[in-house]
Protein backbone atom coordinates (compact mmCIF):
# COMPACT_ATOMS: atom_id res chain seq x y z
CA MET A 1 24.19 -76.14 -100.84
CA ALA A 2 23.57 -79.09 -98.29
CA ALA A 3 19.91 -78.47 -98.46
CA LYS A 4 19.85 -78.47 -102.15
CA TYR A 5 21.84 -81.67 -102.21
CA HIS A 6 19.37 -83.31 -99.87
CA ARG A 7 16.41 -82.18 -101.87
CA MET A 8 17.87 -83.67 -104.99
CA MET A 9 18.29 -86.96 -103.19
CA ARG A 10 14.65 -86.68 -102.02
CA SER A 11 13.45 -86.26 -105.42
CA TYR A 12 15.85 -89.16 -106.62
CA GLU A 13 14.08 -91.51 -103.99
CA SER A 14 10.63 -90.50 -105.45
CA LEU A 15 11.88 -91.18 -108.87
CA ARG A 16 13.28 -94.60 -107.66
CA THR A 17 9.74 -95.39 -106.25
CA VAL A 18 7.84 -94.57 -109.55
CA SER A 19 10.44 -96.48 -111.55
CA THR A 20 10.43 -99.53 -109.50
CA ASN A 21 7.30 -100.23 -107.40
CA THR A 22 4.25 -97.87 -106.73
CA GLY A 23 2.17 -100.79 -105.45
CA ASN A 24 -0.99 -100.87 -107.54
CA ASN A 25 -1.16 -97.32 -108.33
CA ILE A 26 0.60 -95.46 -111.22
CA SER A 27 -0.03 -93.08 -113.89
CA LEU A 28 2.40 -91.96 -116.83
CA SER A 29 2.30 -88.21 -115.44
CA GLU A 30 3.62 -89.37 -112.17
CA ALA A 31 6.87 -90.83 -114.09
CA LYS A 32 7.32 -87.62 -116.12
CA GLU A 33 6.74 -85.50 -112.89
CA ALA A 34 9.05 -87.42 -110.84
CA ALA A 35 11.72 -87.20 -113.63
CA GLU A 36 11.44 -83.48 -114.20
CA GLU A 37 11.49 -82.86 -110.54
CA PHE A 38 14.78 -84.74 -110.01
CA PHE A 39 16.43 -83.18 -113.05
CA THR A 40 15.16 -79.74 -111.90
CA HIS A 41 16.71 -80.32 -108.51
CA ARG A 42 19.90 -81.73 -110.19
CA HIS A 43 20.27 -78.38 -112.10
CA HIS A 44 19.37 -76.28 -108.81
CA PHE A 45 22.12 -78.11 -107.01
CA LYS A 46 24.56 -77.03 -109.66
CA ASP A 47 23.57 -73.47 -109.28
CA TRP A 48 24.01 -73.34 -105.60
CA LEU A 49 27.24 -75.19 -105.77
CA ILE A 50 28.60 -72.65 -108.06
CA LYS A 51 27.22 -69.79 -105.90
CA GLU A 52 28.90 -71.16 -102.69
CA LEU A 53 32.03 -72.48 -103.93
CA PRO A 54 35.29 -70.23 -104.01
CA ASN A 55 35.96 -68.72 -107.57
CA ASN A 56 38.84 -71.16 -108.22
CA LEU A 57 36.20 -74.04 -108.16
CA LYS A 58 33.35 -72.52 -110.01
CA GLN A 59 34.64 -73.35 -113.66
CA ALA A 60 35.57 -76.84 -112.29
CA VAL A 61 31.86 -77.48 -111.64
CA GLU A 62 31.02 -76.43 -115.43
CA ASP A 63 33.85 -78.60 -116.57
CA HIS A 64 32.88 -81.62 -114.65
CA ILE A 65 29.29 -81.39 -116.23
CA ASN A 66 30.64 -80.90 -119.56
CA ASP A 67 33.04 -83.97 -119.18
CA SER A 68 30.21 -86.25 -117.71
CA VAL A 69 27.79 -87.78 -120.10
CA PRO A 70 25.12 -88.33 -117.61
CA LEU A 71 25.28 -84.75 -116.24
CA SER A 72 25.51 -83.02 -119.45
CA LEU A 73 22.66 -85.10 -120.97
CA ALA A 74 20.65 -84.27 -117.80
CA ALA A 75 21.34 -80.57 -118.45
CA ASP A 76 20.15 -80.77 -121.71
CA TYR A 77 17.05 -82.66 -120.77
CA CYS A 78 16.32 -80.18 -118.11
CA ASN A 79 16.70 -77.27 -120.33
CA THR A 80 14.49 -78.77 -122.97
CA PHE A 81 11.39 -79.26 -120.51
CA LYS A 82 12.12 -75.93 -118.74
CA HIS A 83 12.39 -73.90 -121.98
CA ALA A 84 9.89 -75.81 -124.33
CA GLY A 85 13.06 -76.95 -126.26
CA LEU A 86 16.59 -76.74 -126.00
CA ASP A 87 17.36 -73.08 -126.79
CA ARG A 88 21.22 -73.52 -127.23
CA LYS A 89 23.90 -76.02 -128.34
CA PRO A 90 23.47 -79.28 -126.37
CA ARG A 91 26.08 -79.64 -123.55
CA SER A 92 26.19 -83.48 -124.27
CA GLY A 93 26.77 -82.83 -128.01
CA GLN A 94 23.60 -84.69 -128.57
CA HIS A 95 20.20 -83.56 -129.65
CA LEU A 96 17.25 -85.09 -127.65
CA ASP A 97 15.19 -86.96 -130.40
CA ALA A 98 12.32 -88.11 -127.93
CA VAL A 99 11.06 -88.40 -124.37
CA LEU A 100 8.82 -91.49 -124.00
CA GLN A 101 7.05 -92.79 -121.24
CA HIS A 102 6.21 -96.40 -120.36
CA THR A 103 4.31 -98.06 -117.67
CA ARG A 104 4.67 -101.69 -116.56
CA ILE A 105 2.27 -104.01 -114.56
CA ASP A 106 3.81 -107.16 -112.98
CA LEU A 107 1.39 -109.76 -111.49
CA THR A 108 2.49 -111.20 -108.19
CA PRO A 109 0.71 -113.75 -105.84
CA GLN A 110 -0.62 -110.52 -103.89
CA GLY A 111 -1.99 -108.80 -106.88
CA PHE A 112 0.00 -106.42 -109.12
CA VAL A 113 2.94 -104.15 -108.84
CA ALA A 114 3.15 -101.08 -111.32
CA SER A 115 5.95 -98.98 -112.24
CA ALA A 116 6.66 -96.30 -114.88
CA GLN A 117 9.67 -95.06 -116.74
CA VAL A 118 10.69 -92.14 -118.72
CA GLU A 119 12.86 -92.97 -121.55
CA ILE A 120 15.17 -90.35 -123.30
CA LYS A 121 16.29 -91.06 -126.81
CA THR A 122 19.37 -89.26 -128.44
CA ALA A 123 21.40 -90.07 -131.46
CA GLY A 124 20.29 -93.66 -131.58
CA LYS A 125 20.89 -94.12 -127.91
CA SER A 126 18.22 -94.60 -125.21
CA TYR A 127 18.54 -93.80 -121.56
CA ARG A 128 16.11 -94.64 -118.68
CA ALA A 129 15.59 -91.38 -116.73
CA PHE A 130 16.17 -93.44 -113.49
CA ASP A 131 19.50 -94.79 -114.57
CA LEU A 132 20.50 -91.47 -115.86
CA ALA A 133 19.68 -90.03 -112.44
CA THR A 134 21.62 -92.70 -110.78
CA ASP A 135 24.66 -91.99 -112.69
CA CYS A 136 24.23 -88.22 -112.09
CA ILE A 137 24.26 -88.87 -108.37
CA ARG A 138 27.35 -90.93 -108.85
CA ASP A 139 29.14 -88.24 -110.82
CA TRP A 140 28.32 -85.41 -108.45
CA ASP A 141 29.32 -87.42 -105.47
CA THR A 142 32.76 -88.00 -107.50
CA PHE A 143 33.20 -84.24 -107.97
CA LEU A 144 32.46 -83.55 -104.39
CA ARG A 145 35.00 -86.00 -103.15
CA ALA A 146 37.60 -84.74 -105.62
CA ALA A 147 36.98 -81.26 -104.35
CA ASN A 148 36.99 -82.43 -100.72
CA ILE A 149 33.40 -81.07 -100.22
CA THR A 150 31.42 -82.79 -97.47
CA ILE A 151 27.68 -82.60 -97.49
CA PRO A 152 26.42 -83.11 -93.87
CA ALA A 153 23.78 -85.58 -93.17
CA PRO A 154 20.11 -83.89 -92.94
């Protein structure tokens, strides 16, 4: 479980870099790949958490995801790209309308700084993938603290 948590955090740092500053090199595919990598590892962490927890906490994991807008929306996004479309009722209660990609180039005295974003649109709302990932980490950490689960440092 700890290895999966740390892998999720490494993919989060990759998503942060793509979303904020990749120097003078960026591509739209890089943003999409970083977002999909993070949300896949977020999903794998859930699977490992359920596998390793005592039976009395397994349903608590699923309940926590269902009660968390970021975690439930992330589950829908992950299942959408994993299965070429959401093949079940959305956990978040919202259908994904679009997944958009944006690049940004900021001029600086040293040249330019590039970044790219993935935007997830649902029912008139828009979520930046990096912000959603940040909220997912916060909600997982809240669950771990409440369940008195400590993830050792790598």
